[in-house]
Amino acid sequence: MAIPITVLDCDLLLYGRGHRTLDRFKLDDVTDDYLMSMYGFPRQFIYYLVELLGASLSRPTQRSRAISPETQILAALGFYTSGSFQTRMGDAIGISQASMSRCVANVTEALVERASQIIRFPADEASIQTLKDEFYGLAGMPGVIGVVDCIHVAIKAPNAEDLSYVNHKGLHSLNCLMVCDIRGALMAVETNWPGSLQDYAVLQQSSLSSQFEAGMHKDSWLLGDSSFFLRTWLMTPLHIHETPAEYRYNMAHSATHSVIEKTFRTLCSRFRCLDGSKGALQYSPEKSSHIILACCVLHNISLEHGMDIWSSPMTGPMEQPPEEEYEHMESLDLEADRIRQELIFTHFS
């Protein structure tokens, strides 16, 4: 005979189901310093998120209606910026650890729903030209509209048999492809690739590659490091520079590419759930991918609101893979090689 089991939700027992929200935490009751130290963002930014996500977080479900959008957002920000479901975080806003987890899931999905609106390349030619001008002003590299690279984010092992997420360090991770502009704003993000894939393989299989191969943004290119193959739309550094012009090209390339390295450091510094300091993300690859994307959306929103990403405390320098791993990366694309040589002759001789 089957025995029915009742699962109790403490929040529902205390506060009832569905017909009212709980304002267990008032933003106006705490200082700006407290909000920054606990949740990583200022008051007006949090108010903006409530306005942006409120409708999605107030959907009539059995569970989430009991918790106000404001409280859900604070719970999620607390997790993103600290990397853990600390008991004191839940206590501060008056919810249980289980409710904290549900809040993070709700806010993450609401942010992911808006990713395509917030993370994108500019569509008009004037904005594309502005990107080129800004990158050229940085180090003299012409025609650049974005810098591309990959970053690994640690996740828990999906299962003992699945080795596709094991990276070159023997750790489980997602290998995330990102493109940023000179301010560090993200214009393309793909967070779903398993950690066993090397950077060049991620790019080859990405939507980003398909778009550029189809002719998007002609007469422009991305800048990538030696982990990628040279393409007509992707300029990589020379492994060996033999002339002063080639040396100047490599120096300009390195200075320009450093923008995305700084962006990665800022992401991991602001969103400690990504840096592994509190352990790997304890979710499936799909849910972990969504959390990473949600943090990227918040990163761009913070830039739109004038938050200086370079002012965030930086961690140490990004670890670079050993150079010998990239010896095979020289391109067999003769047209891409011709374009790079012409670029070097025209602008760096």
C-alpha atoms as a PDB file:
ATOM      1  CA  MET A   1       0.000   0.000   0.000  1.00  0.00           C
ATOM      2  CA  ALA A   2       1.422   3.357  -1.002  1.00  0.00           C
ATOM      3  CA  ILE A   3       1.897   5.797   1.833  1.00  0.00           C
ATOM      4  CA  PRO A   4       1.216   9.427   0.889  1.00  0.00           C
ATOM      5  CA  ILE A   5       4.029  11.808   1.810  1.00  0.00           C
ATOM      6  CA  THR A   6       3.403  15.490   2.378  1.00  0.00           C
ATOM      7  CA  VAL A   7       6.292  17.836   1.607  1.00  0.00           C
ATOM      8  CA  LEU A   8       6.091  20.912   3.801  1.00  0.00           C
ATOM      9  CA  ASP A   9       7.227  24.312   2.642  1.00  0.00           C
ATOM     10  CA  CYS A  10       8.008  26.387   5.720  1.00  0.00           C
ATOM     11  CA  ASP A  11       7.490  29.659   3.884  1.00  0.00           C
ATOM     12  CA  LEU A  12       4.034  28.611   2.734  1.00  0.00           C
ATOM     13  CA  LEU A  13       3.049  27.413   6.193  1.00  0.00           C
ATOM     14  CA  LEU A  14       4.074  30.739   7.671  1.00  0.00           C
ATOM     15  CA  TYR A  15       2.831  33.080   4.997  1.00  0.00           C
ATOM     16  CA  GLY A  16       0.133  31.331   2.958  1.00  0.00           C
ATOM     17  CA  ARG A  17      -0.170  30.498  -0.711  1.00  0.00           C
ATOM     18  CA  GLY A  18      -0.492  32.679  -3.741  1.00  0.00           C
ATOM     19  CA  HIS A  19      -2.578  35.714  -2.917  1.00  0.00           C
ATOM     20  CA  ARG A  20      -0.075  38.108  -1.444  1.00  0.00           C
ATOM     21  CA  THR A  21       3.597  38.943  -1.609  1.00  0.00           C
ATOM     22  CA  LEU A  22       5.939  39.170   1.330  1.00  0.00           C
ATOM     23  CA  ASP A  23       7.963  42.316   1.865  1.00  0.00           C
ATOM     24  CA  ARG A  24      10.270  40.758   4.422  1.00  0.00           C
ATOM     25  CA  PHE A  25      13.110  43.125   3.590  1.00  0.00           C
ATOM     26  CA  LYS A  26      12.817  46.853   2.887  1.00  0.00           C
ATOM     27  CA  LEU A  27      15.514  48.500   0.790  1.00  0.00           C
ATOM     28  CA  ASP A  28      14.774  51.820   2.465  1.00  0.00           C
ATOM     29  CA  ASP A  29      15.603  50.333   5.862  1.00  0.00           C
ATOM     30  CA  VAL A  30      19.296  49.739   5.097  1.00  0.00           C
ATOM     31  CA  THR A  31      22.264  51.855   4.017  1.00  0.00           C
ATOM     32  CA  ASP A  32      23.870  51.980   0.595  1.00  0.00           C
ATOM     33  CA  ASP A  33      27.071  50.555   2.068  1.00  0.00           C
ATOM     34  CA  TYR A  34      25.134  47.561   3.399  1.00  0.00           C
ATOM     35  CA  LEU A  35      23.574  46.884   0.000  1.00  0.00           C
ATOM     36  CA  MET A  36      26.950  47.062  -1.739  1.00  0.00           C
ATOM     37  CA  SER A  37      28.645  44.798   0.797  1.00  0.00           C
ATOM     38  CA  MET A  38      25.862  42.182   0.856  1.00  0.00           C
ATOM     39  CA  TYR A  39      24.530  42.271  -2.711  1.00  0.00           C
ATOM     40  CA  GLY A  40      27.224  43.974  -4.758  1.00  0.00           C
ATOM     41  CA  PHE A  41      25.038  46.672  -6.311  1.00  0.00           C
ATOM     42  CA  PRO A  42      23.686  50.103  -5.311  1.00  0.00           C
ATOM     43  CA  ARG A  43      20.099  50.870  -4.396  1.00  0.00           C
ATOM     44  CA  GLN A  44      19.021  52.498  -7.689  1.00  0.00           C
ATOM     45  CA  PHE A  45      20.378  49.579  -9.686  1.00  0.00           C
ATOM     46  CA  ILE A  46      18.348  47.146  -7.575  1.00  0.00           C
ATOM     47  CA  TYR A  47      15.232  49.288  -8.044  1.00  0.00           C
ATOM     48  CA  TYR A  48      15.818  49.177 -11.801  1.00  0.00           C
ATOM     49  CA  LEU A  49      16.005  45.360 -11.716  1.00  0.00           C
ATOM     50  CA  VAL A  50      12.728  45.233  -9.802  1.00  0.00           C
ATOM     51  CA  GLU A  51      11.125  47.336 -12.530  1.00  0.00           C
ATOM     52  CA  LEU A  52      12.718  45.277 -15.333  1.00  0.00           C
ATOM     53  CA  LEU A  53      12.016  41.809 -13.924  1.00  0.00           C
ATOM     54  CA  GLY A  54       9.006  42.416 -11.682  1.00  0.00           C
ATOM     55  CA  ALA A  55       6.379  41.102 -14.104  1.00  0.00           C
ATOM     56  CA  SER A  56       8.316  37.870 -14.707  1.00  0.00           C
ATOM     57  CA  LEU A  57       8.894  37.318 -10.996  1.00  0.00           C
ATOM     58  CA  SER A  58       5.227  37.888 -10.126  1.00  0.00           C
ATOM     59  CA  ARG A  59       3.915  35.093 -12.326  1.00  0.00           C
ATOM     60  CA  PRO A  60       1.089  33.227 -10.557  1.00  0.00           C
ATOM     61  CA  THR A  61       2.773  30.028  -9.418  1.00  0.00           C
ATOM     62  CA  GLN A  62       2.132  28.122  -6.229  1.00  0.00           C
ATOM     63  CA  ARG A  63       5.494  28.974  -4.741  1.00  0.00           C
ATOM     64  CA  SER A  64       7.023  32.187  -6.019  1.00  0.00           C
ATOM     65  CA  ARG A  65       3.993  34.457  -5.429  1.00  0.00           C
ATOM     66  CA  ALA A  66       4.708  34.270  -1.695  1.00  0.00           C
ATOM     67  CA  ILE A  67       8.001  36.142  -2.138  1.00  0.00           C
ATOM     68  CA  SER A  68       8.120  39.667  -3.549  1.00  0.00           C
ATOM     69  CA  PRO A  69      10.179  40.404  -6.704  1.00  0.00           C
ATOM     70  CA  GLU A  70      12.391  42.707  -4.635  1.00  0.00           C
ATOM     71  CA  THR A  71      13.255  39.908  -2.209  1.00  0.00           C
ATOM     72  CA  GLN A  72      13.825  37.410  -5.031  1.00  0.00           C
ATOM     73  CA  ILE A  73      16.246  39.800  -6.737  1.00  0.00           C
ATOM     74  CA  LEU A  74      18.185  40.419  -3.527  1.00  0.00           C
ATOM     75  CA  ALA A  75      18.468  36.675  -2.942  1.00  0.00           C
ATOM     76  CA  ALA A  76      19.786  36.106  -6.466  1.00  0.00           C
ATOM     77  CA  LEU A  77      22.249  39.009  -6.309  1.00  0.00           C
ATOM     78  CA  GLY A  78      23.494  37.691  -2.976  1.00  0.00           C
ATOM     79  CA  PHE A  79      24.239  34.330  -4.587  1.00  0.00           C
ATOM     80  CA  TYR A  80      25.765  35.689  -7.796  1.00  0.00           C
ATOM     81  CA  THR A  81      28.125  38.014  -5.932  1.00  0.00           C
ATOM     82  CA  SER A  82      29.065  35.692  -3.048  1.00  0.00           C
ATOM     83  CA  GLY A  83      28.944  32.278  -4.710  1.00  0.00           C
ATOM     84  CA  SER A  84      27.128  30.532  -1.869  1.00  0.00           C
ATOM     85  CA  PHE A  85      23.720  30.101  -0.271  1.00  0.00           C
ATOM     86  CA  GLN A  86      24.889  31.369   3.091  1.00  0.00           C
ATOM     87  CA  THR A  87      22.419  31.048   5.942  1.00  0.00           C
ATOM     88  CA  ARG A  88      23.077  34.660   6.957  1.00  0.00           C
ATOM     89  CA  MET A  89      22.090  35.804   3.454  1.00  0.00           C
ATOM     90  CA  GLY A  90      18.701  34.153   3.744  1.00  0.00           C
ATOM     91  CA  ASP A  91      18.294  35.349   7.311  1.00  0.00           C
ATOM     92  CA  ALA A  92      18.991  38.932   6.228  1.00  0.00           C
ATOM     93  CA  ILE A  93      16.010  38.976   3.867  1.00  0.00           C
ATOM     94  CA  GLY A  94      13.841  36.605   5.880  1.00  0.00           C
ATOM     95  CA  ILE A  95      13.703  33.462   3.711  1.00  0.00           C
ATOM     96  CA  SER A  96      14.882  29.888   4.052  1.00  0.00           C
ATOM     97  CA  GLN A  97      17.812  28.390   2.155  1.00  0.00           C
ATOM     98  CA  ALA A  98      15.402  26.382  -0.003  1.00  0.00           C
ATOM     99  CA  SER A  99      13.568  29.583  -0.924  1.00  0.00           C
ATOM    100  CA  MET A 100      16.899  31.231  -1.696  1.00  0.00           C
ATOM    101  CA  SER A 101      17.518  28.505  -4.255  1.00  0.00           C
ATOM    102  CA  ARG A 102      14.101  29.010  -5.863  1.00  0.00           C
ATOM    103  CA  CYS A 103      14.655  32.759  -6.005  1.00  0.00           C
ATOM    104  CA  VAL A 104      17.968  32.290  -7.804  1.00  0.00           C
ATOM    105  CA  ALA A 105      16.273  30.002 -10.332  1.00  0.00           C
ATOM    106  CA  ASN A 106      13.445  32.502 -10.935  1.00  0.00           C
ATOM    107  CA  VAL A 107      15.695  35.526 -11.354  1.00  0.00           C
ATOM    108  CA  THR A 108      18.168  33.602 -13.512  1.00  0.00           C
ATOM    109  CA  GLU A 109      15.464  32.593 -15.975  1.00  0.00           C
ATOM    110  CA  ALA A 110      14.043  36.125 -16.056  1.00  0.00           C
ATOM    111  CA  LEU A 111      17.491  37.503 -16.950  1.00  0.00           C
ATOM    112  CA  VAL A 112      18.150  34.788 -19.538  1.00  0.00           C
ATOM    113  CA  GLU A 113      14.844  35.659 -21.230  1.00  0.00           C
ATOM    114  CA  ARG A 114      16.237  39.160 -21.819  1.00  0.00           C
ATOM    115  CA  ALA A 115      19.750  38.150 -22.897  1.00  0.00           C
ATOM    116  CA  SER A 116      19.180  38.625 -26.636  1.00  0.00           C
ATOM    117  CA  GLN A 117      17.984  42.196 -26.014  1.00  0.00           C
ATOM    118  CA  ILE A 118      20.930  43.153 -23.805  1.00  0.00           C
ATOM    119  CA  ILE A 119      23.860  41.166 -25.269  1.00  0.00           C
ATOM    120  CA  ARG A 120      24.149  41.913 -28.982  1.00  0.00           C
ATOM    121  CA  PHE A 121      26.211  43.533 -31.707  1.00  0.00           C
ATOM    122  CA  PRO A 122      25.052  46.970 -32.806  1.00  0.00           C
ATOM    123  CA  ALA A 123      22.917  46.821 -35.946  1.00  0.00           C
ATOM    124  CA  ASP A 124      23.560  50.198 -37.581  1.00  0.00           C
ATOM    125  CA  GLU A 125      26.647  51.155 -39.561  1.00  0.00           C
ATOM    126  CA  ALA A 126      27.307  54.265 -37.484  1.00  0.00           C
ATOM    127  CA  SER A 127      27.651  52.187 -34.308  1.00  0.00           C
ATOM    128  CA  ILE A 128      29.881  49.661 -36.087  1.00  0.00           C
ATOM    129  CA  GLN A 129      32.142  52.488 -37.233  1.00  0.00           C
ATOM    130  CA  THR A 130      32.252  53.806 -33.676  1.00  0.00           C
ATOM    131  CA  LEU A 131      33.497  50.389 -32.509  1.00  0.00           C
ATOM    132  CA  LYS A 132      36.252  50.479 -35.130  1.00  0.00           C
ATOM    133  CA  ASP A 133      37.272  54.013 -34.194  1.00  0.00           C
ATOM    134  CA  GLU A 134      37.405  53.205 -30.472  1.00  0.00           C
ATOM    135  CA  PHE A 135      39.519  50.084 -30.959  1.00  0.00           C
ATOM    136  CA  TYR A 136      41.815  51.930 -33.362  1.00  0.00           C
ATOM    137  CA  GLY A 137      42.268  54.680 -30.801  1.00  0.00           C
ATOM    138  CA  LEU A 138      43.369  52.144 -28.193  1.00  0.00           C
ATOM    139  CA  ALA A 139      46.408  50.656 -29.945  1.00  0.00           C
ATOM    140  CA  GLY A 140      46.188  51.448 -33.656  1.00  0.00           C
ATOM    141  CA  MET A 141      44.555  48.189 -34.761  1.00  0.00           C
ATOM    142  CA  PRO A 142      42.166  49.012 -37.649  1.00  0.00           C
ATOM    143  CA  GLY A 143      38.883  47.342 -38.572  1.00  0.00           C
ATOM    144  CA  VAL A 144      38.270  45.696 -35.169  1.00  0.00           C
ATOM    145  CA  ILE A 145      34.671  45.521 -33.935  1.00  0.00           C
ATOM    146  CA  GLY A 146      35.179  43.136 -31.014  1.00  0.00           C
ATOM    147  CA  VAL A 147      37.601  40.954 -29.055  1.00  0.00           C
ATOM    148  CA  VAL A 148      36.840  37.253 -28.604  1.00  0.00           C
ATOM    149  CA  ASP A 149      38.075  34.691 -26.082  1.00  0.00           C
ATOM    150  CA  CYS A 150      36.910  31.755 -23.958  1.00  0.00           C
ATOM    151  CA  ILE A 151      36.779  31.320 -20.201  1.00  0.00           C
ATOM    152  CA  HIS A 152      36.188  28.138 -18.189  1.00  0.00           C
ATOM    153  CA  VAL A 153      33.670  28.119 -15.331  1.00  0.00           C
ATOM    154  CA  ALA A 154      33.801  25.142 -12.954  1.00  0.00           C
ATOM    155  CA  ILE A 155      30.662  23.021 -12.514  1.00  0.00           C
ATOM    156  CA  LYS A 156      29.899  19.871 -10.587  1.00  0.00           C
ATOM    157  CA  ALA A 157      30.419  16.579 -12.443  1.00  0.00           C
ATOM    158  CA  PRO A 158      27.192  15.755 -14.349  1.00  0.00           C
ATOM    159  CA  ASN A 159      27.837  12.031 -13.797  1.00  0.00           C
ATOM    160  CA  ALA A 160      30.752   9.655 -13.459  1.00  0.00           C
ATOM    161  CA  GLU A 161      30.595   8.449 -17.058  1.00  0.00           C
ATOM    162  CA  ASP A 162      30.342  11.790 -18.868  1.00  0.00           C
ATOM    163  CA  LEU A 163      33.867  13.025 -19.583  1.00  0.00           C
ATOM    164  CA  SER A 164      32.841  15.684 -22.106  1.00  0.00           C
ATOM    165  CA  TYR A 165      32.934  18.373 -19.409  1.00  0.00           C
ATOM    166  CA  VAL A 166      36.439  17.483 -18.159  1.00  0.00           C
ATOM    167  CA  ASN A 167      38.877  20.209 -19.220  1.00  0.00           C
ATOM    168  CA  HIS A 168      42.646  20.131 -19.730  1.00  0.00           C
ATOM    169  CA  LYS A 169      43.176  20.501 -15.969  1.00  0.00           C
ATOM    170  CA  GLY A 170      41.039  17.453 -15.207  1.00  0.00           C
ATOM    171  CA  LEU A 171      38.222  19.598 -13.777  1.00  0.00           C
ATOM    172  CA  HIS A 172      34.586  19.729 -14.900  1.00  0.00           C
ATOM    173  CA  SER A 173      33.715  23.007 -16.536  1.00  0.00           C
ATOM    174  CA  LEU A 174      31.803  24.898 -19.183  1.00  0.00           C
ATOM    175  CA  ASN A 175      33.931  26.631 -21.809  1.00  0.00           C
ATOM    176  CA  CYS A 176      32.229  29.975 -22.428  1.00  0.00           C
ATOM    177  CA  LEU A 177      32.780  32.008 -25.596  1.00  0.00           C
ATOM    178  CA  MET A 178      32.483  35.788 -25.261  1.00  0.00           C
ATOM    179  CA  VAL A 179      33.014  38.909 -27.382  1.00  0.00           C
ATOM    180  CA  CYS A 180      33.340  42.385 -25.853  1.00  0.00           C
ATOM    181  CA  ASP A 181      33.781  45.964 -27.005  1.00  0.00           C
ATOM    182  CA  ILE A 182      36.385  48.409 -25.751  1.00  0.00           C
ATOM    183  CA  ARG A 183      34.317  49.248 -22.630  1.00  0.00           C
ATOM    184  CA  GLY A 184      34.015  45.589 -21.690  1.00  0.00           C
ATOM    185  CA  ALA A 185      30.354  45.374 -22.750  1.00  0.00           C
ATOM    186  CA  LEU A 186      29.526  41.885 -24.005  1.00  0.00           C
ATOM    187  CA  MET A 187      28.201  41.638 -27.571  1.00  0.00           C
ATOM    188  CA  ALA A 188      28.070  37.846 -27.901  1.00  0.00           C
ATOM    189  CA  VAL A 189      28.017  35.132 -25.234  1.00  0.00           C
ATOM    190  CA  GLU A 190      27.706  31.351 -25.574  1.00  0.00           C
ATOM    191  CA  THR A 191      27.896  29.566 -22.225  1.00  0.00           C
ATOM    192  CA  ASN A 192      26.790  26.035 -23.103  1.00  0.00           C
ATOM    193  CA  TRP A 193      29.974  24.438 -24.450  1.00  0.00           C
ATOM    194  CA  PRO A 194      31.502  21.487 -22.516  1.00  0.00           C
ATOM    195  CA  GLY A 195      34.916  22.018 -20.964  1.00  0.00           C
ATOM    196  CA  SER A 196      36.647  19.299 -22.991  1.00  0.00           C
ATOM    197  CA  LEU A 197      36.313  21.393 -26.152  1.00  0.00           C
ATOM    198  CA  GLN A 198      39.329  23.561 -26.918  1.00  0.00           C
ATOM    199  CA  ASP A 199      38.743  27.217 -27.690  1.00  0.00           C
ATOM    200  CA  TYR A 200      39.135  26.869 -31.460  1.00  0.00           C
ATOM    201  CA  ALA A 201      36.585  24.011 -31.511  1.00  0.00           C
ATOM    202  CA  VAL A 202      34.095  26.073 -29.507  1.00  0.00           C
ATOM    203  CA  LEU A 203      34.420  28.942 -31.977  1.00  0.00           C
ATOM    204  CA  GLN A 204      34.144  26.658 -35.003  1.00  0.00           C
ATOM    205  CA  GLN A 205      30.853  25.228 -33.744  1.00  0.00           C
ATOM    206  CA  SER A 206      29.434  28.505 -32.434  1.00  0.00           C
ATOM    207  CA  SER A 207      26.597  30.638 -33.743  1.00  0.00           C
ATOM    208  CA  LEU A 208      29.083  33.501 -33.778  1.00  0.00           C
ATOM    209  CA  SER A 209      31.240  31.735 -36.366  1.00  0.00           C
ATOM    210  CA  SER A 210      28.209  30.908 -38.508  1.00  0.00           C
ATOM    211  CA  GLN A 211      27.157  34.562 -38.537  1.00  0.00           C
ATOM    212  CA  PHE A 212      30.567  35.866 -39.571  1.00  0.00           C
ATOM    213  CA  GLU A 213      31.095  33.107 -42.141  1.00  0.00           C
ATOM    214  CA  ALA A 214      27.751  34.130 -43.654  1.00  0.00           C
ATOM    215  CA  GLY A 215      29.122  37.625 -44.227  1.00  0.00           C
ATOM    216  CA  MET A 216      27.917  39.560 -41.195  1.00  0.00           C
ATOM    217  CA  HIS A 217      29.948  42.756 -40.718  1.00  0.00           C
ATOM    218  CA  LYS A 218      32.031  42.581 -43.904  1.00  0.00           C
ATOM    219  CA  ASP A 219      35.243  44.622 -43.950  1.00  0.00           C
ATOM    220  CA  SER A 220      35.474  44.158 -40.178  1.00  0.00           C
ATOM    221  CA  TRP A 221      37.002  41.537 -37.949  1.00  0.00           C
ATOM    222  CA  LEU A 222      37.246  40.208 -34.468  1.00  0.00           C
ATOM    223  CA  LEU A 223      40.524  39.883 -32.597  1.00  0.00           C
ATOM    224  CA  GLY A 224      41.409  36.529 -31.032  1.00  0.00           C
ATOM    225  CA  ASP A 225      44.501  35.067 -29.393  1.00  0.00           C
ATOM    226  CA  SER A 226      46.627  32.115 -30.513  1.00  0.00           C
ATOM    227  CA  SER A 227      44.070  29.577 -29.319  1.00  0.00           C
ATOM    228  CA  PHE A 228      42.051  30.287 -32.480  1.00  0.00           C
ATOM    229  CA  PHE A 229      42.661  29.759 -36.191  1.00  0.00           C
ATOM    230  CA  LEU A 230      43.218  32.799 -38.366  1.00  0.00           C
ATOM    231  CA  ARG A 231      40.137  33.618 -40.439  1.00  0.00           C
ATOM    232  CA  THR A 232      39.207  36.381 -42.863  1.00  0.00           C
ATOM    233  CA  TRP A 233      37.025  37.796 -40.053  1.00  0.00           C
ATOM    234  CA  LEU A 234      39.314  36.859 -37.125  1.00  0.00           C
ATOM    235  CA  MET A 235      42.806  38.300 -36.771  1.00  0.00           C
ATOM    236  CA  THR A 236      45.231  36.362 -34.576  1.00  0.00           C
ATOM    237  CA  PRO A 237      48.814  37.207 -33.549  1.00  0.00           C
ATOM    238  CA  LEU A 238      51.850  35.940 -35.430  1.00  0.00           C
ATOM    239  CA  HIS A 239      53.659  33.164 -33.587  1.00  0.00           C
ATOM    240  CA  ILE A 240      57.028  34.505 -34.709  1.00  0.00           C
ATOM    241  CA  HIS A 241      57.537  38.091 -35.793  1.00  0.00           C
ATOM    242  CA  GLU A 242      60.360  38.473 -38.296  1.00  0.00           C
ATOM    243  CA  THR A 243      60.132  42.187 -39.127  1.00  0.00           C
ATOM    244  CA  PRO A 244      59.620  45.422 -37.166  1.00  0.00           C
ATOM    245  CA  ALA A 245      56.160  45.752 -38.772  1.00  0.00           C
ATOM    246  CA  GLU A 246      55.169  42.276 -37.580  1.00  0.00           C
ATOM    247  CA  TYR A 247      56.440  43.125 -34.103  1.00  0.00           C
ATOM    248  CA  ARG A 248      54.314  46.307 -34.048  1.00  0.00           C
ATOM    249  CA  TYR A 249      51.293  44.317 -35.230  1.00  0.00           C
ATOM    250  CA  ASN A 250      51.733  41.791 -32.422  1.00  0.00           C
ATOM    251  CA  MET A 251      52.135  44.545 -29.834  1.00  0.00           C
ATOM    252  CA  ALA A 252      48.976  46.321 -31.025  1.00  0.00           C
ATOM    253  CA  HIS A 253      47.143  42.989 -31.066  1.00  0.00           C
ATOM    254  CA  SER A 254      48.199  42.186 -27.495  1.00  0.00           C
ATOM    255  CA  ALA A 255      47.214  45.622 -26.179  1.00  0.00           C
ATOM    256  CA  THR A 256      43.801  45.395 -27.840  1.00  0.00           C
ATOM    257  CA  HIS A 257      43.157  41.809 -26.760  1.00  0.00           C
ATOM    258  CA  SER A 258      43.837  42.740 -23.127  1.00  0.00           C
ATOM    259  CA  VAL A 259      40.372  44.343 -23.008  1.00  0.00           C
ATOM    260  CA  ILE A 260      38.631  40.982 -22.803  1.00  0.00           C
ATOM    261  CA  GLU A 261      41.130  39.653 -20.277  1.00  0.00           C
ATOM    262  CA  LYS A 262      40.207  42.608 -18.028  1.00  0.00           C
ATOM    263  CA  THR A 263      36.533  41.917 -18.697  1.00  0.00           C
ATOM    264  CA  PHE A 264      36.906  38.304 -17.582  1.00  0.00           C
ATOM    265  CA  ARG A 265      38.681  39.378 -14.400  1.00  0.00           C
ATOM    266  CA  THR A 266      35.912  41.867 -13.670  1.00  0.00           C
ATOM    267  CA  LEU A 267      33.171  39.283 -14.250  1.00  0.00           C
ATOM    268  CA  CYS A 268      34.813  36.824 -11.878  1.00  0.00           C
ATOM    269  CA  SER A 269      35.546  39.514  -9.307  1.00  0.00           C
ATOM    270  CA  ARG A 270      31.994  40.901  -9.237  1.00  0.00           C
ATOM    271  CA  PHE A 271      30.220  37.548  -9.629  1.00  0.00           C
ATOM    272  CA  ARG A 272      32.082  35.228  -7.278  1.00  0.00           C
ATOM    273  CA  CYS A 273      29.841  32.307  -8.201  1.00  0.00           C
ATOM    274  CA  LEU A 274      31.925  32.159 -11.415  1.00  0.00           C
ATOM    275  CA  ASP A 275      35.456  32.267 -10.026  1.00  0.00           C
ATOM    276  CA  GLY A 276      35.468  28.915  -8.216  1.00  0.00           C
ATOM    277  CA  SER A 277      36.548  30.427  -4.888  1.00  0.00           C
ATOM    278  CA  LYS A 278      33.446  28.952  -3.199  1.00  0.00           C
ATOM    279  CA  GLY A 279      33.634  25.761  -5.252  1.00  0.00           C
ATOM    280  CA  ALA A 280      32.088  24.750  -8.554  1.00  0.00           C
ATOM    281  CA  LEU A 281      28.534  25.661  -9.513  1.00  0.00           C
ATOM    282  CA  GLN A 282      26.406  22.908  -7.975  1.00  0.00           C
ATOM    283  CA  TYR A 283      23.988  22.606 -10.872  1.00  0.00           C
ATOM    284  CA  SER A 284      23.502  20.683 -14.083  1.00  0.00           C
ATOM    285  CA  PRO A 285      25.390  21.990 -17.135  1.00  0.00           C
ATOM    286  CA  GLU A 286      22.185  23.567 -18.474  1.00  0.00           C
ATOM    287  CA  LYS A 287      21.358  25.414 -15.244  1.00  0.00           C
ATOM    288  CA  SER A 288      24.994  26.430 -14.763  1.00  0.00           C
ATOM    289  CA  SER A 289      25.022  27.790 -18.315  1.00  0.00           C
ATOM    290  CA  HIS A 290      21.975  29.913 -17.505  1.00  0.00           C
ATOM    291  CA  ILE A 291      23.549  31.283 -14.307  1.00  0.00           C
ATOM    292  CA  ILE A 292      26.670  32.330 -16.232  1.00  0.00           C
ATOM    293  CA  LEU A 293      24.531  33.999 -18.902  1.00  0.00           C
ATOM    294  CA  ALA A 294      22.474  35.781 -16.234  1.00  0.00           C
ATOM    295  CA  CYS A 295      25.668  37.222 -14.739  1.00  0.00           C
ATOM    296  CA  CYS A 296      26.699  38.421 -18.210  1.00  0.00           C
ATOM    297  CA  VAL A 297      23.336  40.159 -18.622  1.00  0.00           C
ATOM    298  CA  LEU A 298      23.798  41.883 -15.252  1.00  0.00           C
ATOM    299  CA  HIS A 299      27.313  42.886 -16.296  1.00  0.00           C
ATOM    300  CA  ASN A 300      25.974  44.703 -19.360  1.00  0.00           C
ATOM    301  CA  ILE A 301      23.105  46.308 -17.448  1.00  0.00           C
ATOM    302  CA  SER A 302      25.575  47.641 -14.894  1.00  0.00           C
ATOM    303  CA  LEU A 303      27.571  49.248 -17.710  1.00  0.00           C
ATOM    304  CA  GLU A 304      24.420  50.853 -19.119  1.00  0.00           C
ATOM    305  CA  HIS A 305      23.848  52.371 -15.674  1.00  0.00           C
ATOM    306  CA  GLY A 306      27.282  53.936 -15.527  1.00  0.00           C
ATOM    307  CA  MET A 307      28.942  51.448 -13.209  1.00  0.00           C
ATOM    308  CA  ASP A 308      32.643  51.455 -14.064  1.00  0.00           C
ATOM    309  CA  ILE A 309      33.647  47.828 -14.493  1.00  0.00           C
ATOM    310  CA  TRP A 310      37.360  48.624 -14.315  1.00  0.00           C
ATOM    311  CA  SER A 311      36.922  50.062 -10.819  1.00  0.00           C
ATOM    312  CA  SER A 312      35.941  46.654  -9.422  1.00  0.00           C
ATOM    313  CA  PRO A 313      38.661  44.935  -7.385  1.00  0.00           C
ATOM    314  CA  MET A 314      40.627  42.682  -9.693  1.00  0.00           C
ATOM    315  CA  THR A 315      41.872  39.218  -8.972  1.00  0.00           C
ATOM    316  CA  GLY A 316      45.278  38.090 -10.202  1.00  0.00           C
ATOM    317  CA  PRO A 317      46.202  37.883 -13.878  1.00  0.00           C
ATOM    318  CA  MET A 318      44.241  35.470 -16.009  1.00  0.00           C
ATOM    319  CA  GLU A 319      46.099  32.209 -16.341  1.00  0.00           C
ATOM    320  CA  GLN A 320      47.103  31.579 -19.940  1.00  0.00           C
ATOM    321  CA  PRO A 321      47.363  28.061 -21.369  1.00  0.00           C
ATOM    322  CA  PRO A 322      50.887  26.894 -22.187  1.00  0.00           C
ATOM    323  CA  GLU A 323      52.090  28.280 -25.494  1.00  0.00           C
ATOM    324  CA  GLU A 324      52.926  24.848 -26.878  1.00  0.00           C
ATOM    325  CA  GLU A 325      49.230  23.946 -26.876  1.00  0.00           C
ATOM    326  CA  TYR A 326      48.762  26.437 -29.717  1.00  0.00           C
ATOM    327  CA  GLU A 327      51.587  25.460 -32.058  1.00  0.00           C
ATOM    328  CA  HIS A 328      49.102  23.873 -34.487  1.00  0.00           C
ATOM    329  CA  MET A 329      46.847  26.926 -34.622  1.00  0.00           C
ATOM    330  CA  GLU A 330      48.426  28.587 -37.679  1.00  0.00           C
ATOM    331  CA  SER A 331      45.810  28.913 -40.370  1.00  0.00           C
ATOM    332  CA  LEU A 332      45.668  27.099 -43.686  1.00  0.00           C
ATOM    333  CA  ASP A 333      43.304  29.816 -44.896  1.00  0.00           C
ATOM    334  CA  LEU A 334      45.391  31.516 -47.581  1.00  0.00           C
ATOM    335  CA  GLU A 335      42.932  34.386 -48.019  1.00  0.00           C
ATOM    336  CA  ALA A 336      42.986  35.096 -44.270  1.00  0.00           C
ATOM    337  CA  ASP A 337      46.787  35.055 -44.313  1.00  0.00           C
ATOM    338  CA  ARG A 338      46.801  37.485 -47.258  1.00  0.00           C
ATOM    339  CA  ILE A 339      44.473  39.863 -45.402  1.00  0.00           C
ATOM    340  CA  ARG A 340      46.664  39.804 -42.303  1.00  0.00           C
ATOM    341  CA  GLN A 341      49.837  40.431 -44.302  1.00  0.00           C
ATOM    342  CA  GLU A 342      48.159  43.311 -46.126  1.00  0.00           C
ATOM    343  CA  LEU A 343      47.008  44.729 -42.778  1.00  0.00           C
ATOM    344  CA  ILE A 344      50.557  44.559 -41.420  1.00  0.00           C
ATOM    345  CA  PHE A 345      52.076  46.161 -44.548  1.00  0.00           C
ATOM    346  CA  THR A 346      49.475  48.938 -44.755  1.00  0.00           C
ATOM    347  CA  HIS A 347      49.195  49.944 -41.094  1.00  0.00           C
ATOM    348  CA  PHE A 348      52.365  48.797 -39.297  1.00  0.00           C
ATOM    349  CA  SER A 349      55.214  49.242 -41.814  1.00  0.00           C
END
